[in-house]
Amino acid sequence: MKTVLAIAGSDSSGGAGLQCDVKTVSSLGLHAQTVVTSVTSQTNEEVCSLDHVAPLSVQRQLTSTFNNHQVNAVKSGMIPTAESVFKVSTALQEFHDSKPYVLDPVFKSTSGTTLIMDAAAQAMLECLFPLATLVTPNVSEAEKLSGIKILSPEDAVRAGRKLLEHACRYVLIKGGHLIESPGLDILVGPNVDTPPEFVCGFEFAENRNVHGTGCAYATAISCGLASDLDVVQAVHAAKHYITRAILNATQLANGSWILNHKLAGSHS
């Protein structure tokens, strides 16, 4: 069985973070391994508290996983401190060199809470971007990392090209919050002569604010890469997965929505 290692924060609500990653991997028929970087107390509407895991613990989790298990792809989400970023970078270089790695630079929760320190964002650019097969920022994250205001797909292409200067192979800017063409994602690759890939789901789910979509999308891409799809194939497959998961989302008793991983994976 193919395996994906998810490096991220724990979400007590079960909607995002590592819990979402495990659901995504399992629904796509792969085995999930995990490294916890932070323990968050959340509801589907807000983050109540953050308790970051010590960098040494992050290192030990990484070492034990890589030493004892086959890892076909890695996905990282919330890495809250620069020190933990350095531990992840060192482990990837030592144990996971040349294998697929998807970096989802999670800066804020869906509810708007800042999840990582500024130094961690800078450390990601310097230490993790050069190791990444694919980086998957949303619009606000891409703006912060590139310094380019993104309102249109053309802006997203420019921001993606800017981020490629940090030595990652591909950048996928998730367009759920694009002012123009919402739901259209933009994939740019290493060859400047190759036109960007525009990735669209078969239906855009408006007015349905579902917790954990970015986590699931990046993790589904990791599953595709672990299963030997190329980057373009993995992104398109994951886009259809996350679209199905959103359109079939389940509403909880408190009115919030959660992704339907079971129905999304059953049509893969």
Protein backbone atom coordinates (compact mmCIF):
# COMPACT_ATOMS: atom_id res chain seq x y z
CA MET A 1 0.00 0.00 0.00
CA LYS A 2 1.27 3.48 -0.88
CA THR A 3 1.80 5.87 2.02
CA VAL A 4 1.58 9.63 2.55
CA LEU A 5 3.16 11.39 5.52
CA ALA A 6 1.17 14.42 6.68
CA ILE A 7 3.01 17.02 8.77
CA ALA A 8 0.50 19.45 10.28
CA GLY A 9 -1.39 20.66 13.32
CA SER A 10 -4.10 18.69 15.07
CA ASP A 11 -7.62 20.13 14.78
CA SER A 12 -9.88 19.10 17.66
CA SER A 13 -12.99 19.77 15.55
CA GLY A 14 -11.89 17.09 13.09
CA GLY A 15 -12.58 19.28 10.08
CA ALA A 16 -9.08 20.41 9.07
CA GLY A 17 -5.43 19.74 9.90
CA LEU A 18 -4.15 16.23 10.48
CA GLN A 19 -7.62 14.79 11.02
CA CYS A 20 -8.65 16.03 7.58
CA ASP A 21 -5.41 14.75 6.08
CA VAL A 22 -5.94 11.24 7.45
CA LYS A 23 -9.53 11.14 6.16
CA THR A 24 -8.39 12.26 2.71
CA VAL A 25 -5.58 9.72 2.45
CA SER A 26 -7.77 6.88 3.70
CA SER A 27 -10.65 7.72 1.36
CA LEU A 28 -8.26 7.54 -1.59
CA GLY A 29 -7.03 4.08 -0.58
CA LEU A 30 -3.59 4.98 0.79
CA HIS A 31 -2.07 4.73 4.26
CA ALA A 32 -1.62 7.92 6.30
CA GLN A 33 1.29 8.61 8.60
CA THR A 34 1.39 11.75 10.73
CA VAL A 35 3.68 14.22 12.45
CA VAL A 36 1.98 16.64 14.86
CA THR A 37 3.38 20.18 14.88
CA SER A 38 0.76 21.90 17.01
CA VAL A 39 -2.32 21.01 19.05
CA THR A 40 -5.16 23.39 18.33
CA SER A 41 -8.44 23.69 20.20
CA GLN A 42 -11.06 24.54 17.57
CA THR A 43 -14.66 24.59 16.66
CA ASN A 44 -15.74 24.82 13.03
CA GLU A 45 -16.09 28.57 13.54
CA GLU A 46 -13.04 29.60 15.57
CA VAL A 47 -9.63 28.66 16.93
CA CYS A 48 -9.73 28.79 20.73
CA SER A 49 -6.10 28.03 21.56
CA LEU A 50 -2.77 26.93 20.07
CA ASP A 51 -0.22 24.72 21.84
CA HIS A 52 2.80 24.24 19.60
CA VAL A 53 4.73 20.98 19.79
CA ALA A 54 8.40 21.33 20.75
CA PRO A 55 10.73 21.23 17.71
CA LEU A 56 12.63 18.30 19.22
CA SER A 57 9.39 16.31 19.35
CA VAL A 58 8.73 17.17 15.70
CA GLN A 59 12.22 15.92 14.88
CA ARG A 60 11.71 12.66 16.79
CA GLN A 61 8.38 11.99 15.07
CA LEU A 62 9.99 12.56 11.67
CA THR A 63 12.99 10.37 12.43
CA SER A 64 10.95 7.45 13.72
CA THR A 65 8.61 7.59 10.74
CA PHE A 66 11.31 7.78 8.09
CA ASN A 67 13.49 5.17 9.82
CA ASN A 68 10.77 2.57 10.15
CA HIS A 69 8.32 3.09 7.29
CA GLN A 70 8.25 3.56 3.55
CA VAL A 71 7.05 7.06 2.68
CA ASN A 72 5.89 7.60 -0.92
CA ALA A 73 4.99 11.28 -0.59
CA VAL A 74 5.02 14.01 2.06
CA LYS A 75 2.55 16.82 2.60
CA SER A 76 3.11 19.59 5.11
CA GLY A 77 0.55 22.04 6.37
CA MET A 78 0.80 24.12 9.54
CA ILE A 79 4.39 24.38 10.78
CA PRO A 80 4.13 27.15 13.36
CA THR A 81 7.73 28.02 14.25
CA ALA A 82 10.97 28.56 12.37
CA GLU A 83 12.65 25.97 14.57
CA SER A 84 10.15 23.30 13.51
CA VAL A 85 10.54 24.35 9.87
CA PHE A 86 14.28 23.72 10.19
CA LYS A 87 13.64 20.26 11.67
CA VAL A 88 11.30 19.36 8.80
CA SER A 89 13.78 20.65 6.22
CA THR A 90 16.64 18.63 7.70
CA ALA A 91 14.57 15.44 7.81
CA LEU A 92 13.35 15.84 4.23
CA GLN A 93 16.89 16.36 2.97
CA GLU A 94 18.18 13.36 4.91
CA PHE A 95 15.38 10.85 4.35
CA HIS A 96 13.10 11.99 1.55
CA ASP A 97 15.36 13.52 -1.06
CA SER A 98 13.95 13.45 -4.64
CA LYS A 99 10.55 12.03 -3.63
CA PRO A 100 7.31 14.05 -3.96
CA TYR A 101 6.72 16.76 -1.37
CA VAL A 102 3.68 19.07 -1.35
CA LEU A 103 4.03 22.21 0.76
CA ASP A 104 0.77 23.85 1.80
CA PRO A 105 1.88 27.10 3.49
CA VAL A 106 -0.92 27.40 6.04
CA PHE A 107 -0.81 30.84 7.65
CA LYS A 108 -4.37 31.35 8.91
CA SER A 109 -7.37 29.25 9.81
CA THR A 110 -10.60 29.48 7.83
CA SER A 111 -11.90 31.73 10.62
CA GLY A 112 -8.95 34.10 10.24
CA THR A 113 -6.74 33.16 13.20
CA THR A 114 -3.00 33.45 12.53
CA LEU A 115 -1.47 30.00 12.98
CA ILE A 116 2.25 30.55 12.41
CA MET A 117 4.91 33.07 13.34
CA ASP A 118 6.37 35.47 10.76
CA ALA A 119 9.79 33.86 11.15
CA ALA A 120 8.29 30.51 10.19
CA ALA A 121 6.93 31.94 6.92
CA GLN A 122 10.36 33.29 6.03
CA ALA A 123 11.98 29.98 6.98
CA MET A 124 9.56 28.16 4.67
CA LEU A 125 10.68 30.32 1.75
CA GLU A 126 14.33 29.70 2.48
CA CYS A 127 14.34 26.06 3.62
CA LEU A 128 11.22 24.26 2.38
CA PHE A 129 10.42 25.88 -0.97
CA PRO A 130 13.64 24.52 -2.56
CA LEU A 131 12.63 20.99 -1.49
CA ALA A 132 9.02 21.17 -2.68
CA THR A 133 7.63 19.44 -5.73
CA LEU A 134 4.58 21.68 -5.45
CA VAL A 135 3.58 24.63 -3.25
CA THR A 136 -0.16 25.25 -2.81
CA PRO A 137 -0.90 28.71 -1.36
CA ASN A 138 -4.33 30.25 -1.42
CA VAL A 139 -4.67 33.80 -2.72
CA SER A 140 -3.87 35.56 0.57
CA GLU A 141 -0.89 33.29 1.25
CA ALA A 142 0.43 33.83 -2.27
CA GLU A 143 0.08 37.60 -1.82
CA LYS A 144 2.03 37.50 1.44
CA LEU A 145 4.79 35.30 0.02
CA SER A 146 5.15 37.03 -3.35
CA GLY A 147 4.33 40.64 -2.46
CA ILE A 148 1.92 40.77 -5.43
CA LYS A 149 -1.73 41.77 -5.06
CA ILE A 150 -3.91 39.07 -6.66
CA LEU A 151 -7.31 39.99 -8.09
CA SER A 152 -7.31 38.08 -11.38
CA PRO A 153 -5.90 34.88 -12.89
CA GLU A 154 -3.24 37.00 -14.61
CA ASP A 155 -2.14 38.35 -11.22
CA ALA A 156 -1.99 34.80 -9.92
CA VAL A 157 0.26 33.76 -12.79
CA ARG A 158 2.66 36.62 -11.99
CA ALA A 159 2.67 35.70 -8.29
CA GLY A 160 3.25 32.05 -9.11
CA ARG A 161 6.20 32.91 -11.35
CA LYS A 162 7.60 35.04 -8.54
CA LEU A 163 7.34 32.18 -6.06
CA LEU A 164 9.13 29.84 -8.48
CA GLU A 165 12.20 31.99 -7.90
CA HIS A 166 12.46 30.29 -4.51
CA ALA A 167 13.37 27.03 -6.32
CA CYS A 168 10.21 24.96 -5.90
CA ARG A 169 9.23 23.01 -9.04
CA TYR A 170 5.55 24.02 -9.32
CA VAL A 171 3.19 26.51 -7.69
CA LEU A 172 -0.58 26.02 -7.51
CA ILE A 173 -2.45 29.14 -6.43
CA LYS A 174 -5.85 28.07 -5.15
CA GLY A 175 -8.46 30.45 -6.47
CA GLY A 176 -11.38 29.97 -4.12
CA HIS A 177 -11.00 33.61 -3.06
CA LEU A 178 -10.15 35.14 -6.42
CA ILE A 179 -12.16 38.31 -7.07
CA GLU A 180 -12.30 37.38 -10.75
CA SER A 181 -13.02 33.74 -11.70
CA PRO A 182 -13.53 32.36 -8.15
CA GLY A 183 -12.77 28.65 -7.93
CA LEU A 184 -10.24 28.74 -10.78
CA ASP A 185 -6.81 27.48 -9.70
CA ILE A 186 -3.61 28.43 -11.49
CA LEU A 187 -0.70 25.98 -11.84
CA VAL A 188 2.65 27.34 -13.01
CA GLY A 189 5.69 25.21 -13.67
CA PRO A 190 9.44 25.52 -14.13
CA ASN A 191 9.40 26.14 -17.88
CA VAL A 192 8.61 29.82 -18.48
CA ASP A 193 7.79 29.02 -22.12
CA THR A 194 5.00 26.65 -21.04
CA PRO A 195 1.62 28.36 -20.54
CA PRO A 196 0.14 28.06 -17.04
CA GLU A 197 -2.42 25.36 -16.39
CA PHE A 198 -5.86 26.60 -15.37
CA VAL A 199 -7.62 24.06 -13.17
CA CYS A 200 -11.36 24.22 -12.72
CA GLY A 201 -13.77 21.88 -10.94
CA PHE A 202 -16.93 20.79 -12.69
CA GLU A 203 -19.00 23.08 -10.43
CA PHE A 204 -18.18 25.94 -8.08
CA ALA A 205 -19.91 25.63 -4.70
CA GLU A 206 -20.90 29.18 -3.78
CA ASN A 207 -21.97 30.25 -0.31
CA ARG A 208 -20.75 27.07 1.33
CA ASN A 209 -17.91 27.85 3.72
CA VAL A 210 -16.49 24.41 4.42
CA HIS A 211 -13.71 23.88 6.95
CA GLY A 212 -10.52 22.11 5.77
CA THR A 213 -10.76 22.43 1.99
CA GLY A 214 -7.16 23.59 1.55
CA CYS A 215 -5.82 20.76 3.69
CA ALA A 216 -7.78 18.12 1.79
CA TYR A 217 -6.84 19.52 -1.62
CA ALA A 218 -3.10 19.50 -0.94
CA THR A 219 -3.29 16.06 0.64
CA ALA A 220 -5.23 14.63 -2.30
CA ILE A 221 -2.50 15.95 -4.59
CA SER A 222 0.08 14.18 -2.43
CA CYS A 223 -1.90 10.95 -2.82
CA GLY A 224 -1.81 11.32 -6.58
CA LEU A 225 1.94 11.90 -6.57
CA ALA A 226 2.45 8.92 -4.24
CA SER A 227 0.48 6.85 -6.77
CA ASP A 228 2.87 7.86 -9.58
CA LEU A 229 0.74 10.52 -11.27
CA ASP A 230 2.66 13.50 -12.61
CA VAL A 231 2.02 16.93 -11.11
CA VAL A 232 -0.58 18.05 -13.66
CA GLN A 233 -2.49 14.77 -13.40
CA ALA A 234 -2.37 14.80 -9.60
CA VAL A 235 -3.66 18.38 -9.41
CA HIS A 236 -6.58 17.71 -11.78
CA ALA A 237 -7.54 14.53 -9.92
CA ALA A 238 -7.37 16.32 -6.58
CA LYS A 239 -9.45 19.23 -7.90
CA HIS A 240 -12.24 16.83 -8.76
CA TYR A 241 -11.87 15.15 -5.35
CA ILE A 242 -12.18 18.39 -3.41
CA THR A 243 -15.06 19.62 -5.58
CA ARG A 244 -16.99 16.43 -4.84
CA ALA A 245 -16.14 16.68 -1.15
CA ILE A 246 -17.50 20.24 -1.02
CA LEU A 247 -20.62 19.64 -3.10
CA ASN A 248 -21.48 16.62 -0.93
CA ALA A 249 -20.53 18.34 2.33
CA THR A 250 -22.41 17.31 5.46
CA GLN A 251 -24.07 19.86 7.73
CA LEU A 252 -23.62 19.34 11.46
CA ALA A 253 -26.22 20.05 14.12
CA ASN A 254 -24.72 23.50 14.79
CA GLY A 255 -25.13 24.45 11.12
CA SER A 256 -21.47 24.20 10.10
CA TRP A 257 -20.34 22.19 7.10
CA ILE A 258 -17.73 19.42 6.91
CA LEU A 259 -16.22 17.79 3.84
CA ASN A 260 -17.66 14.47 2.69
CA HIS A 261 -14.49 12.44 2.15
CA LYS A 262 -16.34 9.16 1.70
CA LEU A 263 -18.38 10.30 -1.31
CA ALA A 264 -15.43 12.21 -2.76
CA GLY A 265 -13.15 9.19 -2.67
CA SER A 266 -15.73 6.69 -3.88
CA HIS A 267 -15.72 8.23 -7.39
CA SER A 268 -11.93 8.51 -7.74
